[in-house]
Amino acid sequence: MVARILSFNKTLVCQFGGNLSNTCQVKSTPVFRPIKHPQLLRAFEFETKPHKEKLEEVIKALKSDVNKVNNSLRTQTDVLRAILEALKERIMGLD
């Protein structure tokens, strides 16, 4: 069977075969619109460095962070020591 679809003013004419006895007319169906999917993100990139190099980078970063913390603690200790000395001098001066 050969099917031909002709569109006339939102009316579909379906013709099967070649004679008029088996022709049907139906209202047009809603237009199919494909679902729009969200755009994909950038492709995931795998780390290509060997594990040893990556570990060395992590160790360097950790050492740098530990040094920053140590410097901050030294400064804090120096400030607290100076405050303690000032308080001791003030207490000695009151006696």
N, C-alpha and C. Protein backbone atom coordinates (compact mmCIF):
# COMPACT_ATOMS: atom_id res chain seq x y z
N MET A 1 0.84 -1.19 0.00
CA MET A 1 0.00 0.00 0.00
C MET A 1 0.88 1.24 0.00
N VAL A 2 0.54 2.16 -0.80
CA VAL A 2 1.28 3.41 -0.90
C VAL A 2 0.46 4.48 -0.21
N ALA A 3 1.09 5.20 0.71
CA ALA A 3 0.37 6.25 1.43
C ALA A 3 0.90 7.62 1.01
N ARG A 4 -0.01 8.49 0.72
CA ARG A 4 0.36 9.86 0.40
C ARG A 4 -0.35 10.79 1.37
N ILE A 5 0.41 11.74 1.92
CA ILE A 5 -0.19 12.70 2.85
C ILE A 5 -0.11 14.08 2.20
N LEU A 6 -1.26 14.66 2.05
CA LEU A 6 -1.34 15.99 1.47
C LEU A 6 -1.91 16.92 2.53
N SER A 7 -1.36 18.10 2.63
CA SER A 7 -1.88 19.00 3.65
C SER A 7 -2.60 20.15 2.98
N PHE A 8 -3.86 20.37 3.38
CA PHE A 8 -4.67 21.46 2.87
C PHE A 8 -5.29 22.18 4.06
N ASN A 9 -4.80 23.37 4.35
CA ASN A 9 -5.38 24.20 5.42
C ASN A 9 -5.60 23.42 6.71
N LYS A 10 -4.55 22.87 7.24
CA LYS A 10 -4.56 22.12 8.51
C LYS A 10 -5.42 20.86 8.45
N THR A 11 -5.73 20.35 7.27
CA THR A 11 -6.47 19.11 7.14
C THR A 11 -5.61 18.15 6.35
N LEU A 12 -5.42 16.96 6.90
CA LEU A 12 -4.62 15.95 6.22
C LEU A 12 -5.54 15.06 5.38
N VAL A 13 -5.13 14.79 4.19
CA VAL A 13 -5.87 13.87 3.33
C VAL A 13 -5.00 12.63 3.17
N CYS A 14 -5.49 11.50 3.65
CA CYS A 14 -4.75 10.25 3.54
C CYS A 14 -5.35 9.45 2.40
N GLN A 15 -4.52 9.03 1.50
CA GLN A 15 -5.01 8.20 0.41
C GLN A 15 -4.22 6.90 0.38
N PHE A 16 -4.93 5.82 0.48
CA PHE A 16 -4.32 4.50 0.41
C PHE A 16 -4.81 3.85 -0.88
N GLY A 17 -3.91 3.32 -1.66
CA GLY A 17 -4.32 2.73 -2.92
C GLY A 17 -4.56 3.81 -3.96
N GLY A 18 -5.31 3.49 -5.00
CA GLY A 18 -5.47 4.44 -6.08
C GLY A 18 -6.88 4.92 -6.32
N ASN A 19 -7.91 4.32 -5.68
CA ASN A 19 -9.28 4.75 -5.98
C ASN A 19 -9.85 5.57 -4.83
N LEU A 20 -11.00 6.17 -5.03
CA LEU A 20 -11.61 7.05 -4.04
C LEU A 20 -12.38 6.33 -2.95
N SER A 21 -12.61 5.04 -3.08
CA SER A 21 -13.43 4.32 -2.10
C SER A 21 -12.74 4.15 -0.75
N ASN A 22 -11.44 4.22 -0.74
CA ASN A 22 -10.76 4.01 0.53
C ASN A 22 -9.97 5.27 0.96
N THR A 23 -10.55 6.44 0.75
CA THR A 23 -9.93 7.70 1.13
C THR A 23 -10.56 8.19 2.42
N CYS A 24 -9.76 8.66 3.32
CA CYS A 24 -10.29 9.20 4.56
C CYS A 24 -9.72 10.59 4.79
N GLN A 25 -10.49 11.43 5.41
CA GLN A 25 -10.01 12.75 5.76
C GLN A 25 -10.11 12.91 7.27
N VAL A 26 -9.02 13.38 7.88
CA VAL A 26 -9.00 13.57 9.33
C VAL A 26 -8.41 14.94 9.62
N LYS A 27 -8.73 15.44 10.81
CA LYS A 27 -8.12 16.68 11.26
C LYS A 27 -6.64 16.43 11.49
N SER A 28 -5.87 17.46 11.32
CA SER A 28 -4.42 17.28 11.50
C SER A 28 -4.09 17.07 12.97
N THR A 29 -3.11 16.28 13.21
CA THR A 29 -2.64 16.02 14.57
C THR A 29 -1.67 17.13 14.97
N PRO A 30 -1.46 17.30 16.26
CA PRO A 30 -0.51 18.33 16.69
C PRO A 30 0.86 18.08 16.09
N VAL A 31 1.55 19.15 15.79
CA VAL A 31 2.88 19.05 15.20
C VAL A 31 3.84 18.50 16.25
N PHE A 32 4.60 17.52 15.85
CA PHE A 32 5.58 16.93 16.77
C PHE A 32 6.79 17.86 16.88
N ARG A 33 7.08 18.28 18.09
CA ARG A 33 8.26 19.11 18.32
C ARG A 33 9.21 18.31 19.21
N PRO A 34 10.41 18.10 18.77
CA PRO A 34 11.34 17.31 19.58
C PRO A 34 11.67 18.03 20.89
N ILE A 35 11.91 17.25 21.89
CA ILE A 35 12.25 17.78 23.21
C ILE A 35 13.66 18.35 23.15
N LYS A 36 13.80 19.58 23.63
CA LYS A 36 15.13 20.18 23.65
C LYS A 36 15.83 19.75 24.95
N HIS A 37 16.97 19.14 24.80
CA HIS A 37 17.74 18.71 25.95
C HIS A 37 18.71 19.80 26.34
N PRO A 38 19.04 19.93 27.64
CA PRO A 38 19.99 20.95 28.03
C PRO A 38 21.36 20.68 27.41
N GLN A 39 22.08 21.76 27.19
CA GLN A 39 23.40 21.62 26.58
C GLN A 39 24.33 20.90 27.55
N LEU A 40 25.12 20.01 27.03
CA LEU A 40 26.03 19.24 27.86
C LEU A 40 27.20 20.10 28.30
N LEU A 41 27.74 19.75 29.46
CA LEU A 41 28.91 20.45 29.96
C LEU A 41 30.15 19.97 29.24
N ARG A 42 31.24 20.64 29.53
CA ARG A 42 32.51 20.28 28.94
C ARG A 42 32.84 18.84 29.32
N ALA A 43 33.49 18.14 28.43
CA ALA A 43 33.83 16.74 28.68
C ALA A 43 34.78 16.62 29.87
N PHE A 44 34.59 15.59 30.66
CA PHE A 44 35.44 15.35 31.82
C PHE A 44 36.83 14.95 31.34
N GLU A 45 37.82 15.62 31.91
CA GLU A 45 39.19 15.31 31.52
C GLU A 45 39.88 14.53 32.64
N PHE A 46 40.46 13.42 32.28
CA PHE A 46 41.16 12.60 33.25
C PHE A 46 42.54 13.16 33.50
N GLU A 47 43.02 12.99 34.71
CA GLU A 47 44.37 13.44 35.06
C GLU A 47 45.37 12.55 34.36
N THR A 48 46.29 13.16 33.64
CA THR A 48 47.25 12.37 32.88
C THR A 48 48.60 12.26 33.57
N LYS A 49 48.78 12.99 34.66
CA LYS A 49 50.06 12.93 35.36
C LYS A 49 50.16 11.61 36.11
N PRO A 50 51.37 11.09 36.22
CA PRO A 50 51.55 9.89 37.04
C PRO A 50 51.26 10.19 38.51
N HIS A 51 50.93 9.17 39.25
CA HIS A 51 50.57 9.33 40.65
C HIS A 51 51.70 9.95 41.46
N LYS A 52 52.92 9.59 41.15
CA LYS A 52 54.06 10.11 41.91
C LYS A 52 54.16 11.62 41.78
N GLU A 53 54.01 12.15 40.56
CA GLU A 53 54.08 13.59 40.35
C GLU A 53 52.94 14.30 41.08
N LYS A 54 51.76 13.72 41.02
CA LYS A 54 50.61 14.33 41.69
C LYS A 54 50.82 14.34 43.20
N LEU A 55 51.35 13.25 43.75
CA LEU A 55 51.64 13.20 45.18
C LEU A 55 52.68 14.23 45.58
N GLU A 56 53.69 14.42 44.74
CA GLU A 56 54.72 15.42 45.04
C GLU A 56 54.12 16.82 45.06
N GLU A 57 53.21 17.11 44.14
CA GLU A 57 52.54 18.41 44.14
C GLU A 57 51.71 18.60 45.42
N VAL A 58 51.01 17.57 45.83
CA VAL A 58 50.19 17.65 47.04
C VAL A 58 51.08 17.86 48.26
N ILE A 59 52.19 17.15 48.33
CA ILE A 59 53.10 17.29 49.46
C ILE A 59 53.67 18.70 49.52
N LYS A 60 54.05 19.27 48.37
CA LYS A 60 54.56 20.66 48.34
C LYS A 60 53.51 21.63 48.85
N ALA A 61 52.28 21.45 48.40
CA ALA A 61 51.19 22.34 48.82
C ALA A 61 50.95 22.22 50.33
N LEU A 62 50.99 21.00 50.85
CA LEU A 62 50.80 20.79 52.29
C LEU A 62 51.93 21.43 53.09
N LYS A 63 53.17 21.27 52.63
CA LYS A 63 54.30 21.89 53.33
C LYS A 63 54.17 23.40 53.34
N SER A 64 53.75 23.97 52.23
CA SER A 64 53.56 25.42 52.15
C SER A 64 52.50 25.87 53.15
N ASP A 65 51.39 25.14 53.22
CA ASP A 65 50.32 25.49 54.16
C ASP A 65 50.79 25.35 55.60
N VAL A 66 51.54 24.31 55.91
CA VAL A 66 52.05 24.10 57.27
C VAL A 66 53.00 25.24 57.64
N ASN A 67 53.84 25.68 56.70
CA ASN A 67 54.76 26.78 56.98
C ASN A 67 53.99 28.07 57.27
N LYS A 68 52.91 28.32 56.54
CA LYS A 68 52.10 29.51 56.78
C LYS A 68 51.48 29.46 58.18
N VAL A 69 50.98 28.29 58.56
CA VAL A 69 50.37 28.14 59.90
C VAL A 69 51.44 28.34 60.97
N ASN A 70 52.62 27.75 60.77
CA ASN A 70 53.70 27.90 61.75
C ASN A 70 54.09 29.37 61.92
N ASN A 71 54.20 30.10 60.82
CA ASN A 71 54.53 31.52 60.89
C ASN A 71 53.46 32.30 61.65
N SER A 72 52.20 31.96 61.39
CA SER A 72 51.10 32.63 62.10
C SER A 72 51.15 32.32 63.58
N LEU A 73 51.43 31.06 63.92
CA LEU A 73 51.51 30.68 65.34
C LEU A 73 52.68 31.37 66.04
N ARG A 74 53.82 31.52 65.34
CA ARG A 74 54.96 32.23 65.93
C ARG A 74 54.60 33.68 66.21
N THR A 75 53.94 34.31 65.26
CA THR A 75 53.53 35.71 65.45
C THR A 75 52.55 35.82 66.62
N GLN A 76 51.60 34.91 66.68
CA GLN A 76 50.62 34.93 67.76
C GLN A 76 51.31 34.73 69.10
N THR A 77 52.28 33.81 69.16
CA THR A 77 53.01 33.56 70.40
C THR A 77 53.81 34.79 70.82
N ASP A 78 54.42 35.47 69.86
CA ASP A 78 55.17 36.67 70.18
C ASP A 78 54.27 37.76 70.74
N VAL A 79 53.10 37.94 70.14
CA VAL A 79 52.15 38.95 70.63
C VAL A 79 51.68 38.59 72.04
N LEU A 80 51.32 37.33 72.26
CA LEU A 80 50.87 36.91 73.59
C LEU A 80 51.98 37.06 74.63
N ARG A 81 53.22 36.76 74.24
CA ARG A 81 54.35 36.91 75.15
C ARG A 81 54.52 38.39 75.54
N ALA A 82 54.40 39.28 74.56
CA ALA A 82 54.52 40.71 74.84
C ALA A 82 53.41 41.19 75.77
N ILE A 83 52.18 40.69 75.54
CA ILE A 83 51.06 41.05 76.43
C ILE A 83 51.33 40.57 77.84
N LEU A 84 51.82 39.33 77.97
CA LEU A 84 52.11 38.77 79.29
C LEU A 84 53.18 39.59 80.01
N GLU A 85 54.23 39.98 79.28
CA GLU A 85 55.29 40.79 79.89
C GLU A 85 54.74 42.14 80.34
N ALA A 86 53.89 42.74 79.53
CA ALA A 86 53.30 44.04 79.91
C ALA A 86 52.44 43.90 81.15
N LEU A 87 51.67 42.82 81.23
CA LEU A 87 50.84 42.59 82.42
C LEU A 87 51.71 42.34 83.65
N LYS A 88 52.80 41.58 83.50
CA LYS A 88 53.70 41.33 84.63
C LYS A 88 54.31 42.64 85.13
N GLU A 89 54.74 43.50 84.20
CA GLU A 89 55.33 44.78 84.60
C GLU A 89 54.32 45.65 85.30
N ARG A 90 53.08 45.63 84.83
CA ARG A 90 52.05 46.44 85.47
C ARG A 90 51.76 45.93 86.87
N ILE A 91 51.71 44.57 87.02
CA ILE A 91 51.45 44.02 88.36
C ILE A 91 52.62 44.37 89.28
N MET A 92 53.87 44.26 88.81
CA MET A 92 55.04 44.60 89.62
C MET A 92 55.02 46.08 89.98
N GLY A 93 54.55 46.92 89.12
CA GLY A 93 54.50 48.35 89.39
C GLY A 93 53.45 48.72 90.40
N LEU A 94 52.42 47.89 90.53
CA LEU A 94 51.37 48.16 91.50
C LEU A 94 51.81 47.78 92.92
N ASP A 95 52.74 46.88 93.06
CA ASP A 95 53.17 46.42 94.40
C ASP A 95 53.98 47.45 95.11
